[in-house]
PDB file of N, CA and C in Angstrom:
ATOM      1  N   MET A   1    -132.180  80.112 -31.211  1.00  0.00           N
ATOM      2  CA  MET A   1    -131.342  80.533 -32.201  1.00  0.00           C
ATOM      3  C   MET A   1    -130.098  79.235 -32.419  1.00  0.00           C
ATOM      4  N   PHE A   2    -129.992  78.478 -31.268  1.00  0.00           N
ATOM      5  CA  PHE A   2    -128.841  77.499 -31.193  1.00  0.00           C
ATOM      6  C   PHE A   2    -129.306  76.360 -31.953  1.00  0.00           C
ATOM      7  N   LYS A   3    -130.670  76.209 -31.700  1.00  0.00           N
ATOM      8  CA  LYS A   3    -131.098  74.990 -32.631  1.00  0.00           C
ATOM      9  C   LYS A   3    -131.098  75.052 -33.892  1.00  0.00           C
ATOM     10  N   SER A   4    -131.460  76.321 -34.696  1.00  0.00           N
ATOM     11  CA  SER A   4    -131.338  76.617 -35.985  1.00  0.00           C
ATOM     12  C   SER A   4    -130.011  76.326 -36.473  1.00  0.00           C
ATOM     13  N   TYR A   5    -129.295  77.095 -35.581  1.00  0.00           N
ATOM     14  CA  TYR A   5    -127.558  76.966 -36.227  1.00  0.00           C
ATOM     15  C   TYR A   5    -126.975  75.598 -36.382  1.00  0.00           C
ATOM     16  N   VAL A   6    -127.420  74.605 -35.351  1.00  0.00           N
ATOM     17  CA  VAL A   6    -127.182  73.257 -35.270  1.00  0.00           C
ATOM     18  C   VAL A   6    -127.814  72.569 -36.365  1.00  0.00           C
ATOM     19  N   LYS A   7    -129.073  72.840 -36.959  1.00  0.00           N
ATOM     20  CA  LYS A   7    -129.843  72.160 -38.034  1.00  0.00           C
ATOM     21  C   LYS A   7    -129.175  72.629 -39.145  1.00  0.00           C
ATOM     22  N   PHE A   8    -128.649  73.725 -39.335  1.00  0.00           N
ATOM     23  CA  PHE A   8    -128.116  74.327 -40.479  1.00  0.00           C
ATOM     24  C   PHE A   8    -126.751  73.578 -40.587  1.00  0.00           C
ATOM     25  N   LEU A   9    -125.987  73.300 -39.688  1.00  0.00           N
ATOM     26  CA  LEU A   9    -124.482  72.518 -39.892  1.00  0.00           C
ATOM     27  C   LEU A   9    -124.817  71.051 -39.859  1.00  0.00           C
ATOM     28  N   GLU A  10    -125.922  70.552 -39.514  1.00  0.00           N
ATOM     29  CA  GLU A  10    -126.204  69.170 -39.814  1.00  0.00           C
ATOM     30  C   GLU A  10    -126.746  69.176 -41.286  1.00  0.00           C
ATOM     31  N   LYS A  11    -127.141  70.045 -41.792  1.00  0.00           N
ATOM     32  CA  LYS A  11    -127.643  69.965 -43.126  1.00  0.00           C
ATOM     33  C   LYS A  11    -126.720  70.240 -44.158  1.00  0.00           C
ATOM     34  N   TYR A  12    -126.076  71.240 -43.897  1.00  0.00           N
ATOM     35  CA  TYR A  12    -125.060  72.186 -44.846  1.00  0.00           C
ATOM     36  C   TYR A  12    -123.461  71.950 -44.336  1.00  0.00           C
ATOM     37  N   GLY A  13    -123.221  71.047 -43.144  1.00  0.00           N
ATOM     38  CA  GLY A  13    -121.975  70.989 -42.875  1.00  0.00           C
ATOM     39  C   GLY A  13    -120.898  70.645 -43.879  1.00  0.00           C
ATOM     40  N   SER A  14    -121.248  69.732 -44.472  1.00  0.00           N
ATOM     41  CA  SER A  14    -120.413  69.018 -45.381  1.00  0.00           C
ATOM     42  C   SER A  14    -119.877  70.092 -46.646  1.00  0.00           C
ATOM     43  N   PHE A  15    -120.710  70.785 -47.000  1.00  0.00           N
ATOM     44  CA  PHE A  15    -120.549  71.751 -48.033  1.00  0.00           C
ATOM     45  C   PHE A  15    -119.413  72.840 -47.459  1.00  0.00           C
ATOM     46  N   LEU A  16    -119.800  73.314 -46.097  1.00  0.00           N
ATOM     47  CA  LEU A  16    -118.842  74.171 -45.557  1.00  0.00           C
ATOM     48  C   LEU A  16    -117.263  73.474 -45.520  1.00  0.00           C
ATOM     49  N   ILE A  17    -117.291  72.105 -45.151  1.00  0.00           N
ATOM     50  CA  ILE A  17    -115.985  71.427 -45.275  1.00  0.00           C
ATOM     51  C   ILE A  17    -115.381  71.568 -46.462  1.00  0.00           C
ATOM     52  N   ALA A  18    -116.438  71.288 -47.473  1.00  0.00           N
ATOM     53  CA  ALA A  18    -115.963  71.343 -49.113  1.00  0.00           C
ATOM     54  C   ALA A  18    -115.152  72.750 -49.280  1.00  0.00           C
ATOM     55  N   PHE A  19    -115.747  73.573 -49.012  1.00  0.00           N
ATOM     56  CA  PHE A  19    -115.330  75.022 -49.293  1.00  0.00           C
ATOM     57  C   PHE A  19    -114.052  75.445 -48.573  1.00  0.00           C
ATOM     58  N   TYR A  20    -113.841  75.022 -47.315  1.00  0.00           N
ATOM     59  CA  TYR A  20    -112.534  75.305 -46.597  1.00  0.00           C
ATOM     60  C   TYR A  20    -111.560  74.346 -47.425  1.00  0.00           C
ATOM     61  N   SER A  21    -111.949  73.203 -47.758  1.00  0.00           N
ATOM     62  CA  SER A  21    -111.133  72.494 -48.409  1.00  0.00           C
ATOM     63  C   SER A  21    -110.486  72.881 -49.512  1.00  0.00           C
ATOM     64  N   LEU A  22    -111.507  73.547 -50.356  1.00  0.00           N
ATOM     65  CA  LEU A  22    -111.006  74.134 -51.598  1.00  0.00           C
ATOM     66  C   LEU A  22    -110.155  75.368 -51.416  1.00  0.00           C
ATOM     67  N   ILE A  23    -110.411  76.221 -50.549  1.00  0.00           N
ATOM     68  CA  ILE A  23    -109.637  77.577 -50.073  1.00  0.00           C
ATOM     69  C   ILE A  23    -108.350  76.800 -49.812  1.00  0.00           C
ATOM     70  N   TYR A  24    -108.128  76.186 -48.897  1.00  0.00           N
ATOM     71  CA  TYR A  24    -106.861  75.507 -48.354  1.00  0.00           C
ATOM     72  C   TYR A  24    -106.079  74.925 -49.450  1.00  0.00           C
ATOM     73  N   LEU A  25    -106.850  74.047 -50.229  1.00  0.00           N
ATOM     74  CA  LEU A  25    -106.266  73.533 -51.600  1.00  0.00           C
ATOM     75  C   LEU A  25    -105.609  74.778 -52.271  1.00  0.00           C
ATOM     76  N   LEU A  26    -106.261  75.697 -52.918  1.00  0.00           N
ATOM     77  CA  LEU A  26    -105.652  76.475 -53.712  1.00  0.00           C
ATOM     78  C   LEU A  26    -104.496  77.628 -53.103  1.00  0.00           C
ATOM     79  N   THR A  27    -104.605  77.670 -51.962  1.00  0.00           N
ATOM     80  CA  THR A  27    -103.635  78.378 -51.154  1.00  0.00           C
ATOM     81  C   THR A  27    -102.290  77.565 -50.880  1.00  0.00           C
ATOM     82  N   SER A  28    -102.282  76.121 -50.803  1.00  0.00           N
ATOM     83  CA  SER A  28    -101.267  75.412 -50.347  1.00  0.00           C
ATOM     84  C   SER A  28    -100.835  74.297 -51.569  1.00  0.00           C
ATOM     85  N   TRP A  29    -101.374  74.601 -52.902  1.00  0.00           N
ATOM     86  CA  TRP A  29    -101.194  74.022 -54.022  1.00  0.00           C
ATOM     87  C   TRP A  29     -99.706  73.487 -54.300  1.00  0.00           C
ATOM     88  N   GLY A  30     -99.146  72.415 -54.198  1.00  0.00           N
ATOM     89  CA  GLY A  30     -97.900  72.002 -54.485  1.00  0.00           C
ATOM     90  C   GLY A  30     -96.893  71.945 -53.516  1.00  0.00           C
ATOM     91  N   ASP A  31     -97.261  72.697 -52.325  1.00  0.00           N
ATOM     92  CA  ASP A  31     -96.399  72.664 -51.132  1.00  0.00           C
ATOM     93  C   ASP A  31     -96.049  71.297 -50.329  1.00  0.00           C
ATOM     94  N   ASN A  32     -97.031  70.688 -50.177  1.00  0.00           N
ATOM     95  CA  ASN A  32     -97.142  68.949 -49.860  1.00  0.00           C
ATOM     96  C   ASN A  32     -98.042  68.355 -50.586  1.00  0.00           C
ATOM     97  N   TRP A  33     -97.537  67.611 -51.457  1.00  0.00           N
ATOM     98  CA  TRP A  33     -98.385  66.825 -52.495  1.00  0.00           C
ATOM     99  C   TRP A  33     -99.239  65.738 -51.650  1.00  0.00           C
ATOM    100  N   VAL A  34     -98.899  65.104 -50.455  1.00  0.00           N
ATOM    101  CA  VAL A  34     -99.737  64.391 -49.752  1.00  0.00           C
ATOM    102  C   VAL A  34    -100.984  65.004 -49.376  1.00  0.00           C
ATOM    103  N   LEU A  35    -100.808  66.525 -48.686  1.00  0.00           N
ATOM    104  CA  LEU A  35    -101.898  67.131 -48.209  1.00  0.00           C
ATOM    105  C   LEU A  35    -102.528  67.720 -49.407  1.00  0.00           C
ATOM    106  N   THR A  36    -102.157  67.815 -50.574  1.00  0.00           N
ATOM    107  CA  THR A  36    -102.847  68.187 -51.502  1.00  0.00           C
ATOM    108  C   THR A  36    -103.769  67.109 -52.073  1.00  0.00           C
ATOM    109  N   TRP A  37    -103.190  65.922 -52.164  1.00  0.00           N
ATOM    110  CA  TRP A  37    -104.334  64.889 -52.759  1.00  0.00           C
ATOM    111  C   TRP A  37    -105.321  64.652 -51.434  1.00  0.00           C
ATOM    112  N   LEU A  38    -105.090  64.714 -50.149  1.00  0.00           N
ATOM    113  CA  LEU A  38    -105.880  64.562 -49.138  1.00  0.00           C
ATOM    114  C   LEU A  38    -107.048  65.688 -49.228  1.00  0.00           C
ATOM    115  N   LEU A  39    -106.769  66.908 -49.732  1.00  0.00           N
ATOM    116  CA  LEU A  39    -107.545  68.023 -49.694  1.00  0.00           C
ATOM    117  C   LEU A  39    -108.511  67.742 -50.949  1.00  0.00           C
ATOM    118  N   LEU A  40    -107.911  67.250 -52.087  1.00  0.00           N
ATOM    119  CA  LEU A  40    -108.655  67.103 -53.330  1.00  0.00           C
ATOM    120  C   LEU A  40    -109.738  65.939 -52.952  1.00  0.00           C
ATOM    121  N   ALA A  41    -109.319  64.923 -52.089  1.00  0.00           N
ATOM    122  CA  ALA A  41    -110.164  63.731 -51.752  1.00  0.00           C
ATOM    123  C   ALA A  41    -111.392  64.473 -51.182  1.00  0.00           C
ATOM    124  N   ALA A  42    -111.029  65.273 -50.058  1.00  0.00           N
ATOM    125  CA  ALA A  42    -112.342  65.818 -49.200  1.00  0.00           C
ATOM    126  C   ALA A  42    -112.976  66.798 -50.160  1.00  0.00           C
ATOM    127  N   LEU A  43    -112.443  67.497 -51.107  1.00  0.00           N
ATOM    128  CA  LEU A  43    -113.230  68.304 -51.968  1.00  0.00           C
ATOM    129  C   LEU A  43    -114.112  67.718 -52.989  1.00  0.00           C
ATOM    130  N   ILE A  44    -113.962  66.360 -53.198  1.00  0.00           N
ATOM    131  CA  ILE A  44    -114.660  65.470 -53.994  1.00  0.00           C
ATOM    132  C   ILE A  44    -115.760  64.520 -53.024  1.00  0.00           C
ATOM    133  N   ILE A  45    -115.346  64.334 -51.760  1.00  0.00           N
ATOM    134  CA  ILE A  45    -116.045  63.320 -51.081  1.00  0.00           C
ATOM    135  C   ILE A  45    -117.308  64.197 -50.451  1.00  0.00           C
ATOM    136  N   SER A  46    -116.792  65.276 -49.679  1.00  0.00           N
ATOM    137  CA  SER A  46    -117.766  66.216 -49.019  1.00  0.00           C
ATOM    138  C   SER A  46    -119.094  66.631 -49.880  1.00  0.00           C
ATOM    139  N   PRO A  47    -118.987  67.237 -50.826  1.00  0.00           N
ATOM    140  CA  PRO A  47    -120.258  67.641 -51.455  1.00  0.00           C
ATOM    141  C   PRO A  47    -121.119  66.407 -51.760  1.00  0.00           C
ATOM    142  N   ILE A  48    -120.532  65.238 -52.397  1.00  0.00           N
ATOM    143  CA  ILE A  48    -121.245  64.114 -52.334  1.00  0.00           C
ATOM    144  C   ILE A  48    -122.181  63.611 -51.067  1.00  0.00           C
ATOM    145  N   LEU A  49    -121.380  63.608 -49.999  1.00  0.00           N
ATOM    146  CA  LEU A  49    -122.174  63.497 -48.840  1.00  0.00           C
ATOM    147  C   LEU A  49    -123.224  64.381 -48.477  1.00  0.00           C
ATOM    148  N   GLY A  50    -122.932  65.755 -48.671  1.00  0.00           N
ATOM    149  CA  GLY A  50    -123.724  66.751 -48.557  1.00  0.00           C
ATOM    150  C   GLY A  50    -125.354  66.595 -49.198  1.00  0.00           C
ATOM    151  N   ILE A  51    -124.898  66.334 -50.551  1.00  0.00           N
ATOM    152  CA  ILE A  51    -126.126  66.233 -51.437  1.00  0.00           C
ATOM    153  C   ILE A  51    -127.043  64.739 -50.891  1.00  0.00           C
ATOM    154  N   LEU A  52    -126.332  63.824 -50.368  1.00  0.00           N
ATOM    155  CA  LEU A  52    -126.945  62.755 -49.923  1.00  0.00           C
ATOM    156  C   LEU A  52    -127.734  63.005 -48.770  1.00  0.00           C
ATOM    157  N   ASP A  53    -127.167  63.814 -47.698  1.00  0.00           N
ATOM    158  CA  ASP A  53    -127.913  64.394 -46.733  1.00  0.00           C
ATOM    159  C   ASP A  53    -129.048  65.054 -46.950  1.00  0.00           C
ATOM    160  N   ILE A  54    -128.826  65.865 -47.767  1.00  0.00           N
ATOM    161  CA  ILE A  54    -130.413  66.657 -48.315  1.00  0.00           C
ATOM    162  C   ILE A  54    -131.227  65.777 -49.048  1.00  0.00           C
ATOM    163  N   LYS A  55    -130.854  64.814 -49.683  1.00  0.00           N
ATOM    164  CA  LYS A  55    -131.935  64.062 -50.267  1.00  0.00           C
ATOM    165  C   LYS A  55    -132.610  63.085 -49.049  1.00  0.00           C
ATOM    166  N   GLU A  56    -131.801  62.579 -48.130  1.00  0.00           N
ATOM    167  CA  GLU A  56    -132.295  61.931 -47.111  1.00  0.00           C
ATOM    168  C   GLU A  56    -133.285  62.758 -46.164  1.00  0.00           C
ATOM    169  N   SER A  57    -133.004  64.078 -45.908  1.00  0.00           N
ATOM    170  CA  SER A  57    -134.095  64.995 -45.373  1.00  0.00           C
ATOM    171  C   SER A  57    -134.960  65.397 -45.903  1.00  0.00           C
ATOM    172  N   LYS A  58    -134.985  65.599 -47.037  1.00  0.00           N
ATOM    173  CA  LYS A  58    -136.450  65.664 -47.910  1.00  0.00           C
ATOM    174  C   LYS A  58    -137.099  64.525 -48.122  1.00  0.00           C
ATOM    175  N   SER A  59    -136.627  63.518 -47.879  1.00  0.00           N
ATOM    176  CA  SER A  59    -137.457  62.057 -48.340  1.00  0.00           C
ATOM    177  C   SER A  59    -138.569  62.087 -46.910  1.00  0.00           C
ATOM    178  N   PRO A  60    -139.719  61.434 -47.253  1.00  0.00           N
ATOM    179  CA  PRO A  60    -140.808  61.199 -46.316  1.00  0.00           C
ATOM    180  C   PRO A  60    -140.386  60.317 -45.372  1.00  0.00           C
ATOM    181  N   LYS A  61    -140.672  60.403 -44.088  1.00  0.00           N
ATOM    182  CA  LYS A  61    -140.360  59.252 -43.126  1.00  0.00           C
ATOM    183  C   LYS A  61    -141.503  58.564 -43.006  1.00  0.00           C
ATOM    184  N   PRO A  62    -141.650  57.321 -42.676  1.00  0.00           N
ATOM    185  CA  PRO A  62    -142.845  56.557 -42.260  1.00  0.00           C
ATOM    186  C   PRO A  62    -143.085  56.649 -40.804  1.00  0.00           C
TER     187      PRO A  62
END
Protein backbone atom coordinates (compact mmCIF):
# COMPACT_ATOMS: atom_id res chain seq x y z
CA MET A 1 0.00 0.00 0.00
CA PHE A 2 2.79 2.42 0.88
CA LYS A 3 4.58 1.83 -2.44
CA SER A 4 1.45 2.61 -4.43
CA TYR A 5 0.96 5.82 -2.42
CA VAL A 6 4.53 6.91 -3.11
CA LYS A 7 4.16 6.05 -6.79
CA PHE A 8 0.94 8.10 -6.92
CA LEU A 9 2.68 11.09 -5.31
CA GLU A 10 5.61 10.81 -7.68
CA LYS A 11 3.28 10.86 -10.66
CA TYR A 12 0.61 13.35 -9.56
CA GLY A 13 2.28 15.30 -6.74
CA SER A 14 2.72 18.46 -8.78
CA PHE A 15 -1.01 18.51 -9.56
CA LEU A 16 -1.72 18.35 -5.83
CA ILE A 17 0.63 21.28 -5.26
CA ALA A 18 -1.14 23.23 -8.00
CA PHE A 19 -4.55 22.43 -6.48
CA TYR A 20 -3.51 23.59 -3.01
CA SER A 21 -1.90 26.70 -4.51
CA LEU A 22 -5.19 27.49 -6.24
CA ILE A 23 -7.19 27.05 -3.03
CA TYR A 24 -4.82 29.22 -1.01
CA LEU A 25 -4.62 31.78 -3.82
CA LEU A 26 -8.40 32.15 -3.86
CA THR A 27 -8.64 32.53 -0.10
CA SER A 28 -5.80 35.04 0.24
CA TRP A 29 -6.27 37.09 -2.93
CA GLY A 30 -5.05 40.64 -2.40
CA ASP A 31 -3.88 40.28 1.20
CA ASN A 32 -0.21 40.04 0.32
CA TRP A 33 0.65 40.72 -3.31
CA VAL A 34 4.07 39.05 -3.16
CA LEU A 35 2.47 35.83 -1.91
CA THR A 36 -0.30 36.17 -4.48
CA TRP A 37 2.18 36.38 -7.37
CA LEU A 38 4.25 33.53 -5.94
CA LEU A 39 1.19 31.29 -5.70
CA LEU A 40 0.11 32.31 -9.20
CA ALA A 41 3.54 31.29 -10.51
CA ALA A 42 3.25 27.96 -8.67
CA LEU A 43 -0.20 27.48 -10.17
CA ILE A 44 1.23 27.90 -13.67
CA ILE A 45 4.49 25.96 -13.25
CA SER A 46 3.25 22.93 -11.27
CA PRO A 47 0.80 21.54 -13.86
CA ILE A 48 3.41 21.98 -16.59
CA LEU A 49 5.86 19.90 -14.57
CA GLY A 50 3.13 17.34 -13.89
CA ILE A 51 2.33 16.96 -17.58
CA LEU A 52 6.02 16.54 -18.38
CA ASP A 53 6.36 13.90 -15.64
CA ILE A 54 3.39 11.94 -16.98
CA LYS A 55 4.75 12.09 -20.54
CA GLU A 56 8.13 10.89 -19.29
CA SER A 57 6.62 7.99 -17.37
CA LYS A 58 4.58 6.86 -20.40
CA SER A 59 7.49 6.97 -22.84
CA PRO A 60 9.20 3.62 -23.40
CA LYS A 61 12.62 3.32 -21.84
CA PRO A 62 15.41 1.51 -23.70
